[in-house]
Amino acid sequence: MKARSSVLRDRWQHLPPRDRTLCRVLAVFLLGVFSVYGLWLPAQQRLAAAQVLYTKTLQQAAEVQQAKPTSAVKVFDQPLSIRLSESAAESGLNVQQFEMDAEVLRITLKGDALTLLNWLARSEREGAQFETLSLEKHDQSLEARLLVNTVE
């Protein structure tokens, strides 16, 4: 190793001063180029990507803060059984059975298929928890038998 370094040092010393100066200038130039392309440009690219991500996150945070809930939670003053009975009658459904046990309500309804399905969806949105639901088609109408959990 020492032999090699001494050979290089001897060669360097034998170069004319003009060539040594050109080699130093070339070394400084190459160091500058490698610094720019190897360190500064990648750092600038990462900085730009981070700024884009930060801006996007700020926009999303603003959208979340401005967002309004899609539906308000309704507070009902009547028991679920009365609400279901009244809403079924208001919808024009034929209530064939309406029995209440300890925590379960048995309901059998008959009516227009679309009306019955809309009533089921609305009842579920308003807090009814169906334990079982069976649908049967009878000519032009639909019959629904359901067990509803009355514990709210």
N, C-alpha and C. Protein backbone atom coordinates (compact mmCIF):
# COMPACT_ATOMS: atom_id res chain seq x y z
N MET A 1 0.81 -1.18 0.00
CA MET A 1 0.00 0.00 0.00
C MET A 1 0.87 1.26 0.00
N LYS A 2 1.89 1.23 0.87
CA LYS A 2 2.77 2.40 0.94
C LYS A 2 3.50 2.61 -0.38
N ALA A 3 3.84 1.54 -1.01
CA ALA A 3 4.56 1.65 -2.28
C ALA A 3 3.69 2.34 -3.31
N ARG A 4 2.43 1.99 -3.33
CA ARG A 4 1.53 2.60 -4.30
C ARG A 4 1.34 4.09 -4.02
N SER A 5 1.12 4.44 -2.76
CA SER A 5 0.92 5.85 -2.44
C SER A 5 2.18 6.66 -2.70
N SER A 6 3.33 6.08 -2.46
CA SER A 6 4.57 6.81 -2.74
C SER A 6 4.77 6.98 -4.25
N VAL A 7 4.33 5.98 -5.04
CA VAL A 7 4.43 6.08 -6.50
C VAL A 7 3.50 7.19 -6.98
N LEU A 8 2.30 7.24 -6.42
CA LEU A 8 1.36 8.29 -6.84
C LEU A 8 1.87 9.67 -6.43
N ARG A 9 2.43 9.77 -5.24
CA ARG A 9 2.97 11.05 -4.79
C ARG A 9 4.13 11.50 -5.69
N ASP A 10 4.97 10.56 -6.07
CA ASP A 10 6.09 10.91 -6.97
C ASP A 10 5.57 11.38 -8.32
N ARG A 11 4.57 10.69 -8.84
CA ARG A 11 4.01 11.11 -10.13
C ARG A 11 3.39 12.49 -10.03
N TRP A 12 2.70 12.74 -8.91
CA TRP A 12 2.07 14.04 -8.70
C TRP A 12 3.12 15.13 -8.65
N GLN A 13 4.21 14.88 -8.00
CA GLN A 13 5.28 15.86 -7.88
C GLN A 13 5.96 16.13 -9.23
N HIS A 14 5.97 15.11 -10.11
CA HIS A 14 6.63 15.28 -11.40
C HIS A 14 5.72 15.95 -12.43
N LEU A 15 4.43 16.12 -12.10
CA LEU A 15 3.54 16.81 -13.04
C LEU A 15 3.90 18.29 -13.07
N PRO A 16 3.75 18.89 -14.23
CA PRO A 16 3.99 20.35 -14.29
C PRO A 16 2.95 21.08 -13.44
N PRO A 17 3.29 22.22 -12.89
CA PRO A 17 2.35 22.96 -12.03
C PRO A 17 1.03 23.28 -12.73
N ARG A 18 1.06 23.54 -14.02
CA ARG A 18 -0.16 23.82 -14.75
C ARG A 18 -1.09 22.62 -14.73
N ASP A 19 -0.60 21.39 -14.91
CA ASP A 19 -1.42 20.17 -14.90
C ASP A 19 -1.96 19.91 -13.49
N ARG A 20 -1.14 20.17 -12.47
CA ARG A 20 -1.63 19.97 -11.11
C ARG A 20 -2.77 20.92 -10.80
N THR A 21 -2.64 22.17 -11.26
CA THR A 21 -3.71 23.15 -11.05
C THR A 21 -4.96 22.73 -11.80
N LEU A 22 -4.83 22.25 -13.02
CA LEU A 22 -5.99 21.79 -13.79
C LEU A 22 -6.66 20.58 -13.11
N CYS A 23 -5.84 19.69 -12.56
CA CYS A 23 -6.41 18.52 -11.85
C CYS A 23 -7.17 18.97 -10.61
N ARG A 24 -6.64 19.96 -9.89
CA ARG A 24 -7.35 20.47 -8.70
C ARG A 24 -8.65 21.14 -9.10
N VAL A 25 -8.62 21.94 -10.16
CA VAL A 25 -9.83 22.60 -10.64
C VAL A 25 -10.86 21.56 -11.08
N LEU A 26 -10.40 20.53 -11.79
CA LEU A 26 -11.30 19.45 -12.22
C LEU A 26 -11.89 18.72 -11.01
N ALA A 27 -11.09 18.49 -9.99
CA ALA A 27 -11.57 17.81 -8.78
C ALA A 27 -12.64 18.65 -8.07
N VAL A 28 -12.41 19.96 -7.97
CA VAL A 28 -13.38 20.85 -7.33
C VAL A 28 -14.66 20.89 -8.16
N PHE A 29 -14.53 20.97 -9.48
CA PHE A 29 -15.70 20.97 -10.37
C PHE A 29 -16.52 19.69 -10.21
N LEU A 30 -15.82 18.53 -10.26
CA LEU A 30 -16.52 17.25 -10.12
C LEU A 30 -17.18 17.12 -8.75
N LEU A 31 -16.51 17.60 -7.71
CA LEU A 31 -17.10 17.58 -6.38
C LEU A 31 -18.38 18.42 -6.34
N GLY A 32 -18.35 19.57 -6.99
CA GLY A 32 -19.55 20.42 -7.07
C GLY A 32 -20.68 19.75 -7.83
N VAL A 33 -20.35 19.13 -8.97
CA VAL A 33 -21.38 18.46 -9.78
C VAL A 33 -22.00 17.31 -8.99
N PHE A 34 -21.14 16.48 -8.38
CA PHE A 34 -21.67 15.36 -7.60
C PHE A 34 -22.49 15.83 -6.40
N SER A 35 -22.08 16.94 -5.81
CA SER A 35 -22.85 17.47 -4.67
C SER A 35 -24.23 17.92 -5.12
N VAL A 36 -24.30 18.60 -6.26
CA VAL A 36 -25.59 19.09 -6.75
C VAL A 36 -26.49 17.92 -7.14
N TYR A 37 -25.97 17.02 -7.97
CA TYR A 37 -26.80 15.92 -8.46
C TYR A 37 -26.99 14.80 -7.44
N GLY A 38 -26.07 14.66 -6.52
CA GLY A 38 -26.17 13.56 -5.57
C GLY A 38 -26.84 13.94 -4.26
N LEU A 39 -26.75 15.22 -3.89
CA LEU A 39 -27.30 15.63 -2.60
C LEU A 39 -28.40 16.68 -2.71
N TRP A 40 -28.11 17.78 -3.39
CA TRP A 40 -29.03 18.91 -3.38
C TRP A 40 -30.31 18.62 -4.18
N LEU A 41 -30.21 18.10 -5.40
CA LEU A 41 -31.41 17.84 -6.20
C LEU A 41 -32.34 16.79 -5.57
N PRO A 42 -31.83 15.66 -5.08
CA PRO A 42 -32.74 14.73 -4.41
C PRO A 42 -33.41 15.33 -3.17
N ALA A 43 -32.67 16.17 -2.45
CA ALA A 43 -33.27 16.82 -1.28
C ALA A 43 -34.39 17.77 -1.72
N GLN A 44 -34.19 18.49 -2.81
CA GLN A 44 -35.22 19.39 -3.33
C GLN A 44 -36.44 18.61 -3.80
N GLN A 45 -36.22 17.46 -4.42
CA GLN A 45 -37.35 16.63 -4.87
C GLN A 45 -38.14 16.10 -3.67
N ARG A 46 -37.45 15.66 -2.64
CA ARG A 46 -38.14 15.19 -1.43
C ARG A 46 -38.90 16.33 -0.77
N LEU A 47 -38.31 17.52 -0.76
CA LEU A 47 -38.97 18.69 -0.19
C LEU A 47 -40.24 19.03 -0.96
N ALA A 48 -40.18 19.00 -2.28
CA ALA A 48 -41.35 19.29 -3.11
C ALA A 48 -42.45 18.25 -2.87
N ALA A 49 -42.08 16.98 -2.78
CA ALA A 49 -43.07 15.92 -2.52
C ALA A 49 -43.69 16.11 -1.14
N ALA A 50 -42.90 16.48 -0.16
CA ALA A 50 -43.42 16.69 1.20
C ALA A 50 -44.37 17.89 1.22
N GLN A 51 -44.05 18.94 0.45
CA GLN A 51 -44.93 20.12 0.40
C GLN A 51 -46.27 19.77 -0.24
N VAL A 52 -46.24 18.96 -1.29
CA VAL A 52 -47.49 18.54 -1.94
C VAL A 52 -48.32 17.71 -0.97
N LEU A 53 -47.69 16.79 -0.27
CA LEU A 53 -48.40 15.95 0.69
C LEU A 53 -48.98 16.79 1.83
N TYR A 54 -48.22 17.77 2.30
CA TYR A 54 -48.69 18.65 3.37
C TYR A 54 -49.90 19.46 2.91
N THR A 55 -49.84 20.00 1.72
CA THR A 55 -50.96 20.78 1.19
C THR A 55 -52.21 19.90 1.04
N LYS A 56 -52.01 18.70 0.54
CA LYS A 56 -53.14 17.78 0.37
C LYS A 56 -53.75 17.42 1.72
N THR A 57 -52.91 17.19 2.72
CA THR A 57 -53.40 16.86 4.05
C THR A 57 -54.17 18.04 4.66
N LEU A 58 -53.68 19.25 4.45
CA LEU A 58 -54.39 20.44 4.94
C LEU A 58 -55.75 20.57 4.28
N GLN A 59 -55.83 20.31 2.98
CA GLN A 59 -57.11 20.39 2.27
C GLN A 59 -58.08 19.34 2.80
N GLN A 60 -57.59 18.14 3.04
CA GLN A 60 -58.46 17.08 3.56
C GLN A 60 -58.94 17.43 4.97
N ALA A 61 -58.07 17.99 5.78
CA ALA A 61 -58.46 18.38 7.14
C ALA A 61 -59.53 19.46 7.10
N ALA A 62 -59.39 20.40 6.17
CA ALA A 62 -60.40 21.45 6.04
C ALA A 62 -61.73 20.87 5.58
N GLU A 63 -61.69 19.91 4.66
CA GLU A 63 -62.92 19.27 4.19
C GLU A 63 -63.60 18.50 5.32
N VAL A 64 -62.82 17.83 6.14
CA VAL A 64 -63.39 17.07 7.26
C VAL A 64 -64.03 18.02 8.25
N GLN A 65 -63.41 19.15 8.53
CA GLN A 65 -63.97 20.09 9.48
C GLN A 65 -65.23 20.75 8.94
N GLN A 66 -65.32 20.92 7.63
CA GLN A 66 -66.50 21.55 7.05
C GLN A 66 -67.63 20.56 6.80
N ALA A 67 -67.32 19.28 6.84
CA ALA A 67 -68.33 18.26 6.56
C ALA A 67 -69.38 18.26 7.65
N LYS A 68 -70.61 18.06 7.22
CA LYS A 68 -71.72 17.98 8.16
C LYS A 68 -72.18 16.53 8.22
N PRO A 69 -72.68 16.11 9.36
CA PRO A 69 -73.17 14.73 9.43
C PRO A 69 -74.31 14.52 8.44
N THR A 70 -74.37 13.31 7.88
CA THR A 70 -75.39 13.03 6.88
C THR A 70 -76.78 12.93 7.48
N SER A 71 -76.88 12.43 8.68
CA SER A 71 -78.18 12.37 9.33
C SER A 71 -78.01 12.59 10.82
N ALA A 72 -78.93 13.33 11.35
CA ALA A 72 -78.88 13.61 12.78
C ALA A 72 -79.47 12.43 13.53
N VAL A 73 -78.98 12.23 14.73
CA VAL A 73 -79.52 11.17 15.57
C VAL A 73 -80.85 11.65 16.13
N LYS A 74 -81.88 10.87 15.89
CA LYS A 74 -83.21 11.25 16.35
C LYS A 74 -83.43 10.69 17.75
N VAL A 75 -84.06 11.49 18.57
CA VAL A 75 -84.44 11.06 19.90
C VAL A 75 -85.95 10.93 19.89
N PHE A 76 -86.43 9.74 20.22
CA PHE A 76 -87.85 9.47 20.17
C PHE A 76 -88.41 9.45 21.58
N ASP A 77 -89.62 10.01 21.72
CA ASP A 77 -90.25 10.02 23.03
C ASP A 77 -91.25 8.88 23.17
N GLN A 78 -91.53 8.16 22.10
CA GLN A 78 -92.45 7.02 22.16
C GLN A 78 -91.67 5.72 22.10
N PRO A 79 -92.23 4.66 22.69
CA PRO A 79 -91.57 3.35 22.58
C PRO A 79 -91.55 2.87 21.13
N LEU A 80 -90.61 1.97 20.86
CA LEU A 80 -90.43 1.45 19.51
C LEU A 80 -91.69 0.77 19.00
N SER A 81 -92.39 0.02 19.84
CA SER A 81 -93.59 -0.70 19.40
C SER A 81 -94.66 0.26 18.89
N ILE A 82 -94.85 1.36 19.56
CA ILE A 82 -95.87 2.34 19.13
C ILE A 82 -95.42 3.02 17.84
N ARG A 83 -94.14 3.36 17.76
CA ARG A 83 -93.64 4.00 16.53
C ARG A 83 -93.81 3.08 15.33
N LEU A 84 -93.48 1.79 15.49
CA LEU A 84 -93.61 0.85 14.38
C LEU A 84 -95.06 0.67 13.98
N SER A 85 -95.94 0.54 14.95
CA SER A 85 -97.36 0.36 14.67
C SER A 85 -97.93 1.56 13.92
N GLU A 86 -97.64 2.76 14.42
CA GLU A 86 -98.16 3.97 13.79
C GLU A 86 -97.58 4.19 12.40
N SER A 87 -96.26 3.96 12.25
CA SER A 87 -95.66 4.19 10.93
C SER A 87 -96.15 3.17 9.91
N ALA A 88 -96.44 1.94 10.34
CA ALA A 88 -96.99 0.93 9.42
C ALA A 88 -98.38 1.34 8.96
N ALA A 89 -99.19 1.82 9.89
CA ALA A 89 -100.55 2.27 9.53
C ALA A 89 -100.48 3.49 8.60
N GLU A 90 -99.57 4.43 8.91
CA GLU A 90 -99.42 5.63 8.07
C GLU A 90 -98.96 5.29 6.67
N SER A 91 -98.16 4.21 6.55
CA SER A 91 -97.66 3.80 5.23
C SER A 91 -98.70 3.03 4.43
N GLY A 92 -99.81 2.69 5.05
CA GLY A 92 -100.85 1.96 4.34
C GLY A 92 -100.64 0.46 4.34
N LEU A 93 -99.86 -0.03 5.28
CA LEU A 93 -99.62 -1.47 5.36
C LEU A 93 -100.68 -2.11 6.25
N ASN A 94 -101.03 -3.34 5.92
CA ASN A 94 -102.02 -4.10 6.68
C ASN A 94 -101.28 -4.87 7.78
N VAL A 95 -101.50 -4.49 9.05
CA VAL A 95 -100.86 -5.14 10.18
C VAL A 95 -101.71 -6.35 10.54
N GLN A 96 -101.19 -7.55 10.30
CA GLN A 96 -101.94 -8.77 10.56
C GLN A 96 -101.66 -9.32 11.95
N GLN A 97 -100.46 -9.15 12.45
CA GLN A 97 -100.10 -9.64 13.78
C GLN A 97 -99.17 -8.62 14.42
N PHE A 98 -99.40 -8.37 15.70
CA PHE A 98 -98.56 -7.43 16.44
C PHE A 98 -98.56 -7.89 17.89
N GLU A 99 -97.58 -8.72 18.25
CA GLU A 99 -97.49 -9.25 19.61
C GLU A 99 -96.18 -8.83 20.24
N MET A 100 -96.28 -8.52 21.53
CA MET A 100 -95.07 -8.12 22.23
C MET A 100 -94.81 -9.07 23.38
N ASP A 101 -93.60 -9.63 23.38
CA ASP A 101 -93.14 -10.45 24.50
C ASP A 101 -92.14 -9.62 25.29
N ALA A 102 -91.37 -10.26 26.13
CA ALA A 102 -90.44 -9.55 27.03
C ALA A 102 -89.58 -8.54 26.28
N GLU A 103 -88.75 -8.99 25.36
CA GLU A 103 -87.86 -8.07 24.64
C GLU A 103 -87.99 -8.22 23.14
N VAL A 104 -89.03 -8.93 22.70
CA VAL A 104 -89.20 -9.20 21.28
C VAL A 104 -90.61 -8.80 20.85
N LEU A 105 -90.67 -8.22 19.69
CA LEU A 105 -91.93 -7.81 19.08
C LEU A 105 -92.12 -8.62 17.82
N ARG A 106 -93.25 -9.35 17.72
CA ARG A 106 -93.57 -10.13 16.52
C ARG A 106 -94.56 -9.33 15.68
N ILE A 107 -94.17 -9.10 14.44
CA ILE A 107 -95.02 -8.32 13.55
C ILE A 107 -95.18 -9.07 12.24
N THR A 108 -96.41 -9.11 11.75
CA THR A 108 -96.68 -9.62 10.41
C THR A 108 -97.40 -8.51 9.66
N LEU A 109 -96.85 -8.11 8.55
CA LEU A 109 -97.39 -7.02 7.73
C LEU A 109 -97.63 -7.50 6.32
N LYS A 110 -98.59 -6.88 5.67
CA LYS A 110 -98.87 -7.20 4.27
C LYS A 110 -99.16 -5.89 3.55
N GLY A 111 -98.67 -5.79 2.34
CA GLY A 111 -98.92 -4.58 1.56
C GLY A 111 -98.12 -4.59 0.27
N ASP A 112 -98.16 -3.46 -0.40
CA ASP A 112 -97.42 -3.27 -1.64
C ASP A 112 -95.93 -3.51 -1.38
N ALA A 113 -95.27 -4.22 -2.29
CA ALA A 113 -93.87 -4.60 -2.08
C ALA A 113 -92.97 -3.39 -1.86
N LEU A 114 -93.07 -2.39 -2.72
CA LEU A 114 -92.20 -1.21 -2.59
C LEU A 114 -92.48 -0.46 -1.30
N THR A 115 -93.75 -0.32 -0.95
CA THR A 115 -94.11 0.37 0.29
C THR A 115 -93.58 -0.38 1.50
N LEU A 116 -93.72 -1.70 1.48
CA LEU A 116 -93.25 -2.52 2.60
C LEU A 116 -91.73 -2.46 2.74
N LEU A 117 -91.02 -2.54 1.62
CA LEU A 117 -89.55 -2.48 1.67
C LEU A 117 -89.07 -1.11 2.15
N ASN A 118 -89.74 -0.05 1.69
CA ASN A 118 -89.38 1.30 2.16
C ASN A 118 -89.64 1.44 3.66
N TRP A 119 -90.75 0.87 4.12
CA TRP A 119 -91.07 0.92 5.56
C TRP A 119 -90.01 0.18 6.37
N LEU A 120 -89.59 -0.98 5.89
CA LEU A 120 -88.55 -1.74 6.58
C LEU A 120 -87.25 -0.95 6.67
N ALA A 121 -86.86 -0.34 5.56
CA ALA A 121 -85.62 0.44 5.54
C ALA A 121 -85.71 1.63 6.48
N ARG A 122 -86.83 2.34 6.46
CA ARG A 122 -87.02 3.51 7.32
C ARG A 122 -87.03 3.09 8.80
N SER A 123 -87.68 1.97 9.09
CA SER A 123 -87.74 1.49 10.48
C SER A 123 -86.36 1.13 10.99
N GLU A 124 -85.57 0.53 10.14
CA GLU A 124 -84.21 0.17 10.54
C GLU A 124 -83.35 1.42 10.77
N ARG A 125 -83.51 2.41 9.91
CA ARG A 125 -82.77 3.67 10.10
C ARG A 125 -83.17 4.36 11.40
N GLU A 126 -84.41 4.17 11.82
CA GLU A 126 -84.92 4.83 13.03
C GLU A 126 -84.66 4.00 14.29
N GLY A 127 -83.90 2.92 14.17
CA GLY A 127 -83.46 2.21 15.36
C GLY A 127 -84.01 0.82 15.56
N ALA A 128 -84.89 0.33 14.71
CA ALA A 128 -85.41 -1.03 14.87
C ALA A 128 -84.30 -2.03 14.53
N GLN A 129 -84.14 -3.01 15.39
CA GLN A 129 -83.13 -4.05 15.16
C GLN A 129 -83.86 -5.35 14.86
N PHE A 130 -83.86 -5.75 13.61
CA PHE A 130 -84.56 -6.96 13.19
C PHE A 130 -83.72 -8.18 13.57
N GLU A 131 -84.32 -9.07 14.37
CA GLU A 131 -83.63 -10.32 14.68
C GLU A 131 -83.84 -11.31 13.55
N THR A 132 -85.07 -11.41 13.07
CA THR A 132 -85.37 -12.25 11.90
C THR A 132 -86.32 -11.48 11.00
N LEU A 133 -86.23 -11.77 9.72
CA LEU A 133 -87.08 -11.14 8.73
C LEU A 133 -87.31 -12.15 7.62
N SER A 134 -88.58 -12.42 7.33
CA SER A 134 -88.88 -13.29 6.20
C SER A 134 -89.92 -12.61 5.33
N LEU A 135 -89.73 -12.72 4.04
CA LEU A 135 -90.63 -12.09 3.07
C LEU A 135 -91.24 -13.16 2.20
N GLU A 136 -92.55 -13.04 1.95
CA GLU A 136 -93.25 -13.96 1.06
C GLU A 136 -94.08 -13.16 0.09
N LYS A 137 -94.05 -13.58 -1.15
CA LYS A 137 -94.83 -12.91 -2.18
C LYS A 137 -96.20 -13.57 -2.26
N HIS A 138 -97.27 -12.77 -2.25
CA HIS A 138 -98.63 -13.23 -2.41
C HIS A 138 -99.28 -12.39 -3.50
N ASP A 139 -99.44 -12.96 -4.68
CA ASP A 139 -99.99 -12.25 -5.84
C ASP A 139 -99.25 -10.93 -6.07
N GLN A 140 -99.93 -9.81 -5.87
CA GLN A 140 -99.32 -8.50 -6.11
C GLN A 140 -98.79 -7.86 -4.82
N SER A 141 -98.93 -8.55 -3.71
CA SER A 141 -98.49 -7.97 -2.44
C SER A 141 -97.33 -8.77 -1.85
N LEU A 142 -96.78 -8.22 -0.82
CA LEU A 142 -95.65 -8.84 -0.14
C LEU A 142 -96.00 -8.94 1.34
N GLU A 143 -95.67 -10.08 1.94
CA GLU A 143 -95.93 -10.28 3.36
C GLU A 143 -94.58 -10.37 4.08
N ALA A 144 -94.47 -9.66 5.18
CA ALA A 144 -93.23 -9.67 5.97
C ALA A 144 -93.55 -10.15 7.37
N ARG A 145 -92.74 -11.10 7.83
CA ARG A 145 -92.81 -11.57 9.21
C ARG A 145 -91.48 -11.22 9.85
N LEU A 146 -91.55 -10.48 10.95
CA LEU A 146 -90.29 -10.09 11.58
C LEU A 146 -90.36 -10.15 13.09
N LEU A 147 -89.20 -10.40 13.65
CA LEU A 147 -88.98 -10.31 15.09
C LEU A 147 -88.08 -9.11 15.32
N VAL A 148 -88.55 -8.19 16.14
CA VAL A 148 -87.81 -6.96 16.39
C VAL A 148 -87.37 -6.94 17.85
N ASN A 149 -86.10 -6.67 18.07
CA ASN A 149 -85.57 -6.53 19.42
C ASN A 149 -86.02 -5.17 19.93
N THR A 150 -86.73 -5.14 21.06
CA THR A 150 -87.28 -3.88 21.57
C THR A 150 -86.36 -3.18 22.56
N VAL A 151 -85.24 -3.77 22.87
CA VAL A 151 -84.28 -3.13 23.78
C VAL A 151 -83.55 -2.05 22.99
N GLU A 152 -83.72 -0.80 23.37
CA GLU A 152 -83.11 0.31 22.63
C GLU A 152 -81.86 0.79 23.28
